[in-house]
Amino acid sequence: MSGLFAGTPLEQPVTCETCGKPLTDCTCPRDASGAILLPAAQTAIVNLEKRKKGKIITIISGLDPVASDLAALLSALKALCGCGGSLDGPAAAIELQGDQRDRACQHLESLGYKIGRR
């Protein structure tokens, strides 16, 4: 990617508007279109669902699957809660076994996400 004054001694790389680093070094979360999508701009919907045989599942939805590293977030939540879990379907909802709403909400808030409980 060329920058300002490309090909001259004054050439400068294109930088991120949020962190100020060159775009090749930028680690800001971006959505599928390439726009920056910070955790503060996303709302995580946390609710319970009762499944077959009385099993209770905590479901976290509403997060952008590209801007939020859902696999890493799932691993952190599973370790924090001491439970199993998975990513579900094209909507990329996080599922945790049991009623883990309080711990999940605290962790998501510490990461900067807004929380919506149902």
Protein backbone atom coordinates (compact mmCIF):
# COMPACT_ATOMS: atom_id res chain seq x y z
CA MET A 1 0.00 0.00 0.00
CA SER A 2 1.50 3.34 -1.00
CA GLY A 3 1.36 6.36 1.23
CA LEU A 4 1.64 10.09 1.01
CA PHE A 5 4.27 11.26 -1.51
CA ALA A 6 4.82 7.68 -2.74
CA GLY A 7 8.16 7.18 -4.47
CA THR A 8 9.78 10.33 -3.07
CA PRO A 9 12.15 10.84 -0.15
CA LEU A 10 9.18 12.37 1.74
CA GLU A 11 7.10 9.18 1.53
CA GLN A 12 5.06 8.45 4.67
CA PRO A 13 3.08 5.26 5.33
CA VAL A 14 -0.69 5.41 5.70
CA THR A 15 -1.49 5.38 9.43
CA CYS A 16 -4.47 4.27 11.48
CA GLU A 17 -6.68 7.14 12.66
CA THR A 18 -7.17 5.52 16.08
CA CYS A 19 -3.74 4.30 17.19
CA GLY A 20 -1.49 6.28 14.84
CA LYS A 21 0.54 3.22 13.77
CA PRO A 22 1.13 2.30 10.12
CA LEU A 23 -1.76 0.20 8.79
CA THR A 24 0.56 -2.81 8.43
CA ASP A 25 1.29 -2.68 12.21
CA CYS A 26 -2.20 -1.65 13.40
CA THR A 27 -4.01 -4.10 15.68
CA CYS A 28 -7.25 -2.13 16.11
CA PRO A 29 -10.34 -4.36 15.76
CA ARG A 30 -11.99 -3.99 12.36
CA ASP A 31 -15.25 -5.33 10.95
CA ALA A 32 -15.59 -7.16 7.61
CA SER A 33 -15.64 -3.90 5.64
CA GLY A 34 -12.38 -2.73 7.24
CA ALA A 35 -13.92 -0.01 9.43
CA ILE A 36 -12.69 0.20 13.02
CA LEU A 37 -15.19 -1.30 15.47
CA LEU A 38 -14.07 -0.91 19.08
CA PRO A 39 -15.62 -2.95 21.92
CA ALA A 40 -17.29 0.20 23.30
CA ALA A 41 -19.33 0.40 20.08
CA GLN A 42 -20.70 -3.14 20.46
CA THR A 43 -23.42 -4.42 22.77
CA ALA A 44 -23.19 -7.99 24.01
CA ILE A 45 -26.61 -9.54 24.64
CA VAL A 46 -26.36 -12.06 27.50
CA ASN A 47 -29.29 -14.37 28.18
CA LEU A 48 -30.20 -17.86 29.38
CA GLU A 49 -31.77 -20.63 27.38
CA LYS A 50 -33.23 -23.84 28.73
CA ARG A 51 -32.55 -26.85 26.53
CA LYS A 52 -33.54 -30.50 26.49
CA LYS A 53 -33.53 -32.36 29.79
CA GLY A 54 -33.40 -29.12 31.78
CA LYS A 55 -29.91 -28.05 30.65
CA ILE A 56 -29.24 -24.32 31.06
CA ILE A 57 -27.04 -22.50 28.56
CA THR A 58 -25.71 -18.92 28.78
CA ILE A 59 -25.77 -17.32 25.32
CA ILE A 60 -23.75 -14.24 24.39
CA SER A 61 -24.76 -12.70 21.06
CA GLY A 62 -24.65 -9.38 19.27
CA LEU A 63 -20.86 -9.20 18.87
CA ASP A 64 -19.27 -8.70 15.47
CA PRO A 65 -17.56 -12.00 14.59
CA VAL A 66 -14.76 -10.31 12.63
CA ALA A 67 -13.93 -7.36 14.90
CA SER A 68 -14.20 -9.40 18.11
CA ASP A 69 -11.91 -12.42 18.26
CA LEU A 70 -14.73 -14.73 19.35
CA ALA A 71 -12.53 -17.82 19.58
CA ALA A 72 -10.16 -16.11 22.02
CA LEU A 73 -13.08 -14.59 23.92
CA LEU A 74 -14.69 -18.03 24.21
CA SER A 75 -11.46 -19.54 25.55
CA ALA A 76 -11.10 -16.77 28.14
CA LEU A 77 -14.71 -17.14 29.28
CA LYS A 78 -14.47 -20.93 29.53
CA ALA A 79 -11.32 -20.65 31.66
CA LEU A 80 -12.82 -17.90 33.83
CA CYS A 81 -16.10 -19.74 34.41
CA GLY A 82 -14.66 -23.24 34.59
CA CYS A 83 -17.22 -24.60 32.15
CA GLY A 84 -17.57 -25.89 28.62
CA GLY A 85 -18.76 -23.87 25.70
CA SER A 86 -18.77 -23.39 21.95
CA LEU A 87 -19.41 -20.98 19.10
CA ASP A 88 -22.81 -21.53 17.53
CA GLY A 89 -23.91 -21.01 13.97
CA PRO A 90 -23.59 -18.22 11.44
CA ALA A 91 -24.66 -15.61 14.01
CA ALA A 92 -21.52 -16.62 15.96
CA ALA A 93 -23.14 -16.66 19.37
CA ILE A 94 -21.02 -17.84 22.29
CA GLU A 95 -22.61 -20.62 24.32
CA LEU A 96 -21.46 -21.45 27.85
CA GLN A 97 -22.74 -24.36 29.91
CA GLY A 98 -24.72 -23.37 32.99
CA ASP A 99 -25.79 -19.99 34.36
CA GLN A 100 -22.61 -17.94 33.83
CA ARG A 101 -24.29 -14.55 33.27
CA ASP A 102 -22.64 -12.67 36.16
CA ARG A 103 -19.07 -13.76 35.43
CA ALA A 104 -19.50 -13.30 31.68
CA CYS A 105 -20.96 -9.80 32.12
CA GLN A 106 -18.13 -8.75 34.44
CA HIS A 107 -15.49 -10.01 32.02
CA LEU A 108 -17.11 -8.41 28.98
CA GLU A 109 -17.48 -5.08 30.81
CA SER A 110 -13.80 -5.21 31.79
CA LEU A 111 -12.97 -5.57 28.08
CA GLY A 112 -15.06 -2.48 27.26
CA TYR A 113 -18.21 -4.04 25.80
CA LYS A 114 -21.67 -2.68 26.61
CA ILE A 115 -23.96 -5.29 28.17
CA GLY A 116 -27.60 -6.01 27.48
CA ARG A 117 -29.32 -8.63 29.62
CA ARG A 118 -32.48 -10.45 28.68
